[in-house]
Amino acid sequence: MDFALTPEQELVRDSLREFAARELRPKYAYWDRTGEFPAEIWRKMGVVGLLGLRVPEAYGGQNLDCVTAGLAIEEAARGDFNCCYGVLNSSFAGDLLGQHGSESVKREWLPGMVSGDNVLCVCLTEPHCGSDAAAIRTQAERRGDRYVIRGEKSAITLLMAGHAGIVFAKTDPKAGARGVSAFLVPFHSTGVSRSGYSDMGAKGIVRGSLFLDDVEVPSENMIGPENGAFSRVMQTFEYTRALIGLMCIGAAQISLEETIEYTKSRIAFGQPITRNQGVSFPVAEWHTRLTMARWHCYRTLWLRDQGLPHNAEAAMCKGFVPEICMGAIQDCLVLHGHYGYTQDFAVEQRLRDVAGQLIADGTPQIQKLIIARQLFGREYV
């Protein structure tokens, strides 16, 4: 059992921590205040390789292991939590397209995604179903060498800035999960329309709903075989849930570090408030919880790299780690006093931004169901 990072992983961690502090953190609040998509930052992330972590080298990526991808997303979150969605989406798309996309689709879309010039979205959720992904109603009908897609997708991260989406649709509506296929759909296609959301946090990721009105795509835009997408997307979620845990940890960890410095300099009754155990003990407790959560997330990614089962472990990352991080950030806000409730400090924004990850990619209740099924057996839960 070896918990040491390789020299290459340490280099990735250290260089990205410096990049996050220099390039990401200074404009973290700006995108929140304006609601703009950080396009300029996206290209800078492309330059340092953050958008090509899981993309094959033939298409401009680095094809790094999952543990290194976890290190990268945690460091990015210390600077700007919302920029992590670029790392998350490109890892998902890099795995899915890199392994199962046609050569024409990979050559057209992956290099631009790696550079930050193209933004790809994952279009799975629909208004009536989120975690019950097999219940999607969007349909794709084959007509000669093309597919015609119709339906509606909702809660799509980066949609309003996106150039294309990986759209999941039923190609065999009677087959349930076994009738789902995936397609690369350019958003400039005829019949595509979008509508943006006004969210409480994570405003720079410009979420929205996608409407597909008889949108035609060539058959080579299908990702993998017909009716074979559902199991592949579920397998990809198994490790991106660990990445989500680490991006939440990155935001909570930097909040904790800022709180330590603030409370050391805050004087009350003639002494630093850190001398009060009501201040120092919560910080010690959250540091402990974050440390344990971090190691579990990395173990989950290690299992993925070894080709070992990690479905329940990934569900633990998604079902519990965002809640831990929300608790840590909330206490950090309180320890800043009334200043923590102002926009003068980043802690209030991190609380709003991380809150979205309580819901995304499966709620805590769904993750507990996954864990319980492994413990009891699917037939008992």
Protein backbone atom coordinates (compact mmCIF):
# COMPACT_ATOMS: atom_id res chain seq x y z
CA MET A 1 0.00 0.00 0.00
CA ASP A 2 1.64 3.23 -1.20
CA PHE A 3 0.10 6.65 -0.60
CA ALA A 4 2.96 8.59 -2.22
CA LEU A 5 2.48 10.66 -5.35
CA THR A 6 4.83 10.16 -8.26
CA PRO A 7 7.24 13.00 -9.11
CA GLU A 8 5.09 13.74 -12.17
CA GLN A 9 1.94 13.99 -10.05
CA GLU A 10 3.66 16.31 -7.59
CA LEU A 11 4.71 18.51 -10.49
CA VAL A 12 1.12 18.64 -11.78
CA ARG A 13 -0.19 19.52 -8.33
CA ASP A 14 2.36 22.24 -7.63
CA SER A 15 2.19 23.89 -11.05
CA LEU A 16 -1.61 23.92 -11.06
CA ARG A 17 -1.77 25.34 -7.54
CA GLU A 18 0.33 28.27 -8.75
CA PHE A 19 -1.79 28.62 -11.90
CA ALA A 20 -5.02 28.59 -9.88
CA ALA A 21 -3.75 31.32 -7.56
CA ARG A 22 -2.42 33.47 -10.39
CA GLU A 23 -5.05 33.05 -13.12
CA LEU A 24 -8.25 31.62 -11.62
CA ARG A 25 -8.77 33.08 -8.16
CA PRO A 26 -8.51 36.82 -9.05
CA LYS A 27 -11.61 36.70 -11.29
CA TYR A 28 -13.62 34.12 -9.36
CA ALA A 29 -16.07 36.73 -8.10
CA TYR A 30 -16.23 38.55 -11.44
CA TRP A 31 -18.00 35.75 -13.28
CA ASP A 32 -20.45 35.41 -10.40
CA ARG A 33 -21.31 39.12 -10.44
CA THR A 34 -21.67 39.36 -14.21
CA GLY A 35 -23.07 35.90 -14.97
CA GLU A 36 -20.64 35.69 -17.89
CA PHE A 37 -18.97 32.53 -19.12
CA PRO A 38 -15.19 32.77 -18.48
CA ALA A 39 -14.11 32.18 -22.10
CA GLU A 40 -10.72 33.83 -21.63
CA ILE A 41 -9.95 31.55 -18.68
CA TRP A 42 -11.09 28.49 -20.65
CA ARG A 43 -8.34 29.07 -23.20
CA LYS A 44 -5.75 29.57 -20.46
CA MET A 45 -6.86 26.26 -18.95
CA GLY A 46 -6.39 24.73 -22.37
CA VAL A 47 -2.82 26.01 -22.56
CA VAL A 48 -1.83 24.36 -19.26
CA GLY A 49 -3.55 21.09 -20.19
CA LEU A 50 -6.53 21.16 -17.82
CA LEU A 51 -9.01 20.41 -20.61
CA GLY A 52 -7.16 17.46 -22.09
CA LEU A 53 -6.43 15.34 -19.04
CA ARG A 54 -8.44 12.33 -20.24
CA VAL A 55 -8.19 12.94 -24.00
CA PRO A 56 -5.99 10.66 -26.16
CA GLU A 57 -2.66 12.17 -27.17
CA ALA A 58 -3.51 11.78 -30.86
CA TYR A 59 -6.11 14.53 -30.45
CA GLY A 60 -4.03 16.94 -28.40
CA GLY A 61 -4.70 15.54 -24.94
CA GLN A 62 -2.51 13.94 -22.30
CA ASN A 63 -4.47 10.75 -21.50
CA LEU A 64 -3.43 10.94 -17.86
CA ASP A 65 -4.48 8.52 -15.16
CA CYS A 66 -7.58 9.25 -13.08
CA VAL A 67 -5.64 10.02 -9.89
CA THR A 68 -3.75 12.80 -11.70
CA ALA A 69 -7.03 14.13 -13.07
CA GLY A 70 -8.24 14.26 -9.46
CA LEU A 71 -5.17 16.23 -8.38
CA ALA A 72 -5.77 18.68 -11.21
CA ILE A 73 -9.44 19.32 -10.46
CA GLU A 74 -8.80 19.78 -6.73
CA GLU A 75 -6.14 22.38 -7.41
CA ALA A 76 -8.33 24.21 -9.94
CA ALA A 77 -11.12 24.39 -7.34
CA ARG A 78 -8.83 26.28 -4.99
CA GLY A 79 -8.84 29.07 -7.55
CA ASP A 80 -12.25 29.04 -9.22
CA PHE A 81 -14.74 26.30 -8.41
CA ASN A 82 -16.74 26.90 -11.59
CA CYS A 83 -13.78 26.48 -13.91
CA CYS A 84 -13.65 22.89 -12.64
CA TYR A 85 -16.69 22.14 -14.77
CA GLY A 86 -14.42 22.49 -17.79
CA VAL A 87 -12.15 19.82 -16.33
CA LEU A 88 -15.14 17.65 -15.42
CA ASN A 89 -16.92 17.91 -18.78
CA SER A 90 -13.74 17.43 -20.81
CA SER A 91 -12.82 14.36 -18.75
CA PHE A 92 -16.27 12.88 -19.36
CA ALA A 93 -16.23 13.75 -23.06
CA GLY A 94 -12.59 12.75 -23.46
CA ASP A 95 -13.27 9.28 -22.09
CA LEU A 96 -16.51 8.76 -23.99
CA LEU A 97 -15.46 10.20 -27.35
CA GLY A 98 -11.89 8.99 -27.12
CA GLN A 99 -12.96 5.38 -26.60
CA HIS A 100 -16.20 5.20 -28.56
CA GLY A 101 -16.45 8.13 -30.99
CA SER A 102 -15.95 7.84 -34.74
CA GLU A 103 -12.66 9.06 -36.15
CA SER A 104 -14.33 11.98 -37.89
CA VAL A 105 -16.01 13.19 -34.69
CA LYS A 106 -12.83 12.84 -32.62
CA ARG A 107 -10.75 14.80 -35.12
CA GLU A 108 -13.36 17.53 -35.49
CA TRP A 109 -14.17 18.12 -31.81
CA LEU A 110 -11.52 16.85 -29.40
CA PRO A 111 -8.58 19.15 -30.35
CA GLY A 112 -10.78 22.24 -30.01
CA MET A 113 -12.10 21.05 -26.66
CA VAL A 114 -8.54 20.51 -25.42
CA SER A 115 -7.50 24.03 -26.47
CA GLY A 116 -10.56 25.65 -24.89
CA ASP A 117 -11.95 26.87 -28.22
CA ASN A 118 -14.81 24.36 -28.23
CA VAL A 119 -17.06 23.74 -25.24
CA LEU A 120 -18.77 20.34 -25.13
CA CYS A 121 -21.78 19.63 -22.93
CA VAL A 122 -23.28 16.45 -21.52
CA CYS A 123 -27.00 16.33 -22.30
CA LEU A 124 -28.63 13.54 -20.30
CA THR A 125 -31.09 15.04 -17.76
CA GLU A 126 -34.67 15.82 -18.86
CA PRO A 127 -37.44 17.79 -17.12
CA HIS A 128 -39.11 14.64 -15.79
CA CYS A 129 -36.03 12.55 -15.02
CA GLY A 130 -32.58 13.09 -13.60
CA SER A 131 -31.21 10.11 -11.72
CA ASP A 132 -33.71 7.86 -13.54
CA ALA A 133 -31.72 8.35 -16.72
CA ALA A 134 -33.18 5.25 -18.37
CA ALA A 135 -36.56 7.03 -18.46
CA ILE A 136 -35.46 9.68 -20.98
CA ARG A 137 -38.02 10.52 -23.66
CA THR A 138 -35.80 12.17 -26.24
CA GLN A 139 -35.85 9.96 -29.34
CA ALA A 140 -33.58 9.44 -32.31
CA GLU A 141 -34.94 7.87 -35.47
CA ARG A 142 -32.72 6.53 -38.22
CA ARG A 143 -33.41 7.79 -41.73
CA GLY A 144 -30.89 6.43 -44.19
CA ASP A 145 -27.43 7.60 -43.21
CA ARG A 146 -28.74 10.14 -40.70
CA TYR A 147 -30.56 10.28 -37.37
CA VAL A 148 -33.38 12.68 -36.57
CA ILE A 149 -33.49 13.70 -32.89
CA ARG A 150 -36.39 15.29 -31.05
CA GLY A 151 -36.87 16.05 -27.37
CA GLU A 152 -35.84 18.33 -24.51
CA LYS A 153 -32.84 18.25 -22.18
CA SER A 154 -32.58 20.25 -18.96
CA ALA A 155 -30.03 21.35 -16.34
CA ILE A 156 -27.18 21.24 -18.85
CA THR A 157 -23.90 22.63 -17.56
CA LEU A 158 -22.15 25.12 -19.90
CA LEU A 159 -25.05 24.95 -22.35
CA MET A 160 -25.28 28.65 -23.17
CA ALA A 161 -21.57 28.75 -24.01
CA GLY A 162 -21.48 25.31 -25.64
CA HIS A 163 -20.64 24.47 -29.22
CA ALA A 164 -21.90 20.89 -29.18
CA GLY A 165 -23.40 18.34 -26.83
CA ILE A 166 -23.26 14.62 -26.20
CA VAL A 167 -27.00 13.96 -26.41
CA PHE A 168 -28.54 10.76 -25.08
CA ALA A 169 -31.69 9.58 -26.85
CA LYS A 170 -33.85 6.48 -27.18
CA THR A 171 -33.24 4.61 -30.42
CA ASP A 172 -35.39 1.74 -29.18
CA PRO A 173 -38.07 3.26 -26.91
CA LYS A 174 -39.40 -0.13 -25.82
CA ALA A 175 -36.04 -1.41 -24.57
CA GLY A 176 -35.58 0.88 -21.56
CA ALA A 177 -31.94 1.39 -20.63
CA ARG A 178 -30.90 -1.02 -23.38
CA GLY A 179 -32.42 1.26 -26.00
CA VAL A 180 -30.34 4.39 -25.31
CA SER A 181 -27.80 5.77 -27.79
CA ALA A 182 -25.49 8.81 -27.66
CA PHE A 183 -24.86 11.39 -30.39
CA LEU A 184 -22.55 14.34 -30.89
CA VAL A 185 -24.92 17.20 -31.80
CA PRO A 186 -23.47 20.54 -32.96
CA PHE A 187 -25.53 23.38 -31.50
CA HIS A 188 -25.52 25.31 -34.76
CA SER A 189 -27.67 22.54 -36.29
CA THR A 190 -31.11 23.43 -37.64
CA GLY A 191 -33.78 22.71 -35.02
CA VAL A 192 -31.59 23.37 -31.95
CA SER A 193 -32.64 26.08 -29.48
CA ARG A 194 -31.53 26.93 -25.94
CA SER A 195 -32.85 28.75 -22.89
CA GLY A 196 -30.66 29.84 -19.98
CA TYR A 197 -31.26 29.58 -16.22
CA SER A 198 -30.88 32.08 -13.37
CA ASP A 199 -29.17 30.01 -10.69
CA MET A 200 -28.36 30.94 -7.08
CA GLY A 201 -24.72 30.01 -7.61
CA ALA A 202 -22.30 28.67 -10.22
CA LYS A 203 -23.49 31.45 -12.51
CA GLY A 204 -20.46 31.31 -14.79
CA ILE A 205 -21.30 27.80 -15.96
CA VAL A 206 -24.38 29.21 -17.74
CA ARG A 207 -26.74 26.25 -17.38
CA GLY A 208 -29.89 25.88 -19.41
CA SER A 209 -32.39 23.73 -21.29
CA LEU A 210 -31.85 22.34 -24.78
CA PHE A 211 -34.66 21.85 -27.28
CA LEU A 212 -34.25 19.50 -30.25
CA ASP A 213 -36.87 19.85 -32.98
CA ASP A 214 -36.16 17.20 -35.63
CA VAL A 215 -32.42 17.82 -35.51
CA GLU A 216 -30.51 15.81 -38.11
CA VAL A 217 -27.02 14.42 -37.49
CA PRO A 218 -24.99 12.01 -39.66
CA SER A 219 -24.75 8.41 -38.51
CA GLU A 220 -21.02 8.80 -37.78
CA ASN A 221 -22.00 11.20 -34.99
CA MET A 222 -23.31 8.26 -32.99
CA ILE A 223 -20.95 7.52 -30.09
CA GLY A 224 -20.51 3.77 -29.84
CA PRO A 225 -22.99 1.20 -31.14
CA GLU A 226 -26.72 1.83 -31.40
CA ASN A 227 -28.54 1.13 -28.12
CA GLY A 228 -25.24 0.80 -26.29
CA ALA A 229 -24.78 4.16 -24.55
CA PHE A 230 -26.37 3.69 -21.15
CA SER A 231 -23.85 1.31 -19.61
CA ARG A 232 -20.97 3.43 -20.92
CA VAL A 233 -22.25 6.66 -19.42
CA MET A 234 -22.91 4.96 -16.08
CA GLN A 235 -19.36 3.62 -16.04
CA THR A 236 -18.01 7.10 -16.73
CA PHE A 237 -20.06 8.55 -13.87
CA GLU A 238 -18.34 6.04 -11.60
CA TYR A 239 -15.13 8.05 -11.63
CA THR A 240 -16.42 11.56 -12.40
CA ARG A 241 -18.28 11.37 -9.08
CA ALA A 242 -14.89 11.13 -7.39
CA LEU A 243 -13.75 14.17 -9.37
CA ILE A 244 -16.82 16.05 -8.10
CA GLY A 245 -15.89 15.13 -4.54
CA LEU A 246 -12.39 16.52 -5.05
CA MET A 247 -13.54 19.79 -6.59
CA CYS A 248 -15.76 20.31 -3.54
CA ILE A 249 -12.83 19.49 -1.28
CA GLY A 250 -10.64 22.01 -3.09
CA ALA A 251 -13.17 24.78 -2.44
CA ALA A 252 -13.62 23.76 1.20
CA GLN A 253 -9.89 23.43 1.82
CA ILE A 254 -9.01 26.91 0.56
CA SER A 255 -11.92 28.30 2.60
CA LEU A 256 -10.51 26.61 5.69
CA GLU A 257 -7.02 27.97 5.03
CA GLU A 258 -8.37 31.50 4.55
CA THR A 259 -10.37 31.16 7.76
CA ILE A 260 -7.29 30.11 9.71
CA GLU A 261 -5.46 33.24 8.58
CA TYR A 262 -8.46 35.48 9.24
CA THR A 263 -9.10 34.17 12.76
CA LYS A 264 -5.40 34.42 13.66
CA SER A 265 -5.52 38.13 12.90
CA ARG A 266 -8.95 38.82 14.43
CA ILE A 267 -8.59 40.20 17.98
CA ALA A 268 -11.37 40.02 20.55
CA PHE A 269 -11.05 40.63 24.28
CA GLY A 270 -7.38 41.38 23.78
CA GLN A 271 -6.35 38.12 22.09
CA PRO A 272 -6.70 36.28 18.77
CA ILE A 273 -10.04 34.54 18.58
CA THR A 274 -8.20 31.30 17.76
CA ARG A 275 -7.49 31.01 21.47
CA ASN A 276 -11.17 30.17 21.90
CA GLN A 277 -11.83 26.47 21.43
CA GLY A 278 -15.15 27.39 19.86
CA VAL A 279 -13.04 28.69 16.96
CA SER A 280 -10.08 26.33 16.85
CA PHE A 281 -11.97 23.07 17.44
CA PRO A 282 -14.38 23.39 14.47
CA VAL A 283 -11.41 24.13 12.22
CA ALA A 284 -9.60 21.03 13.53
CA GLU A 285 -12.72 18.91 13.03
CA TRP A 286 -13.31 20.06 9.45
CA HIS A 287 -9.65 19.59 8.59
CA THR A 288 -9.97 16.00 9.80
CA ARG A 289 -13.15 15.33 7.81
CA LEU A 290 -11.73 16.87 4.64
CA THR A 291 -8.55 14.81 4.96
CA MET A 292 -10.51 11.56 5.28
CA ALA A 293 -12.82 12.52 2.41
CA ARG A 294 -9.87 13.44 0.20
CA TRP A 295 -8.16 10.09 0.67
CA HIS A 296 -11.36 8.21 -0.08
CA CYS A 297 -11.80 10.12 -3.35
CA TYR A 298 -8.22 9.34 -4.38
CA ARG A 299 -8.64 5.69 -3.46
CA THR A 300 -11.72 5.56 -5.69
CA LEU A 301 -9.74 7.01 -8.60
CA TRP A 302 -6.93 4.56 -7.90
CA LEU A 303 -9.41 1.69 -8.10
CA ARG A 304 -10.53 3.05 -11.48
CA ASP A 305 -6.95 3.18 -12.71
CA GLN A 306 -6.42 -0.44 -11.59
CA GLY A 307 -9.56 -1.61 -13.39
CA LEU A 308 -11.16 -2.64 -10.09
CA PRO A 309 -14.84 -2.22 -9.06
CA HIS A 310 -15.58 1.20 -7.56
CA ASN A 311 -19.29 1.88 -8.06
CA ALA A 312 -20.20 2.09 -4.37
CA GLU A 313 -16.98 3.97 -3.58
CA ALA A 314 -17.84 6.58 -6.21
CA ALA A 315 -21.33 6.89 -4.76
CA MET A 316 -19.77 7.63 -1.37
CA CYS A 317 -17.72 10.41 -2.98
CA LYS A 318 -20.81 12.00 -4.48
CA GLY A 319 -23.32 11.24 -1.74
CA PHE A 320 -21.36 12.43 1.27
CA VAL A 321 -18.37 14.58 0.31
CA PRO A 322 -20.34 17.62 -0.98
CA GLU A 323 -22.33 17.60 2.28
CA ILE A 324 -19.09 17.54 4.29
CA CYS A 325 -17.70 20.41 2.25
CA MET A 326 -20.88 22.45 2.60
CA GLY A 327 -20.65 22.07 6.37
CA ALA A 328 -17.01 23.14 6.39
CA ILE A 329 -17.64 26.22 4.23
CA GLN A 330 -20.69 27.20 6.28
CA ASP A 331 -18.65 27.14 9.50
CA CYS A 332 -15.92 29.12 7.77
CA LEU A 333 -18.51 31.75 6.88
CA VAL A 334 -19.66 31.94 10.50
CA LEU A 335 -16.10 32.23 11.78
CA HIS A 336 -15.65 35.29 9.57
CA GLY A 337 -18.47 36.95 11.50
CA HIS A 338 -20.76 39.34 9.68
CA TYR A 339 -18.02 39.92 7.08
CA GLY A 340 -18.47 36.35 5.92
CA TYR A 341 -22.00 37.19 4.84
CA THR A 342 -20.74 40.01 2.61
CA GLN A 343 -19.28 39.66 -0.87
CA ASP A 344 -15.95 40.98 0.40
CA PHE A 345 -14.85 37.39 1.03
CA ALA A 346 -15.12 34.43 -1.34
CA VAL A 347 -16.57 32.11 1.29
CA GLU A 348 -20.22 33.09 0.66
CA GLN A 349 -19.84 32.43 -3.06
CA ARG A 350 -18.23 29.06 -2.47
CA LEU A 351 -21.17 28.10 -0.26
CA ARG A 352 -23.60 28.90 -3.08
CA ASP A 353 -21.46 27.29 -5.75
CA VAL A 354 -20.78 24.02 -3.93
CA ALA A 355 -24.48 23.68 -3.06
CA GLY A 356 -25.21 22.74 -6.67
CA GLN A 357 -23.17 19.57 -6.26
CA LEU A 358 -25.62 18.26 -3.70
CA ILE A 359 -27.91 17.68 -6.68
CA ALA A 360 -25.79 17.27 -9.80
CA ASP A 361 -24.98 13.76 -11.08
CA GLY A 362 -27.33 12.14 -8.58
CA THR A 363 -28.67 13.33 -5.24
CA PRO A 364 -27.38 11.98 -1.88
CA GLN A 365 -30.45 9.75 -1.67
CA ILE A 366 -29.62 8.08 -5.00
CA GLN A 367 -26.01 7.56 -3.94
CA LYS A 368 -27.17 5.89 -0.71
CA LEU A 369 -29.36 3.59 -2.79
CA ILE A 370 -26.33 2.55 -4.86
CA ILE A 371 -24.32 1.83 -1.72
CA ALA A 372 -27.19 -0.07 -0.08
CA ARG A 373 -27.66 -2.24 -3.17
CA GLN A 374 -24.04 -3.32 -2.98
CA LEU A 375 -24.33 -4.11 0.73
CA PHE A 376 -27.65 -5.97 0.67
CA GLY A 377 -27.91 -7.08 -2.94
CA ARG A 378 -30.03 -5.38 -5.57
CA GLU A 379 -32.96 -7.73 -5.01
CA TYR A 380 -33.30 -6.60 -1.37
CA VAL A 381 -33.18 -2.81 -1.87
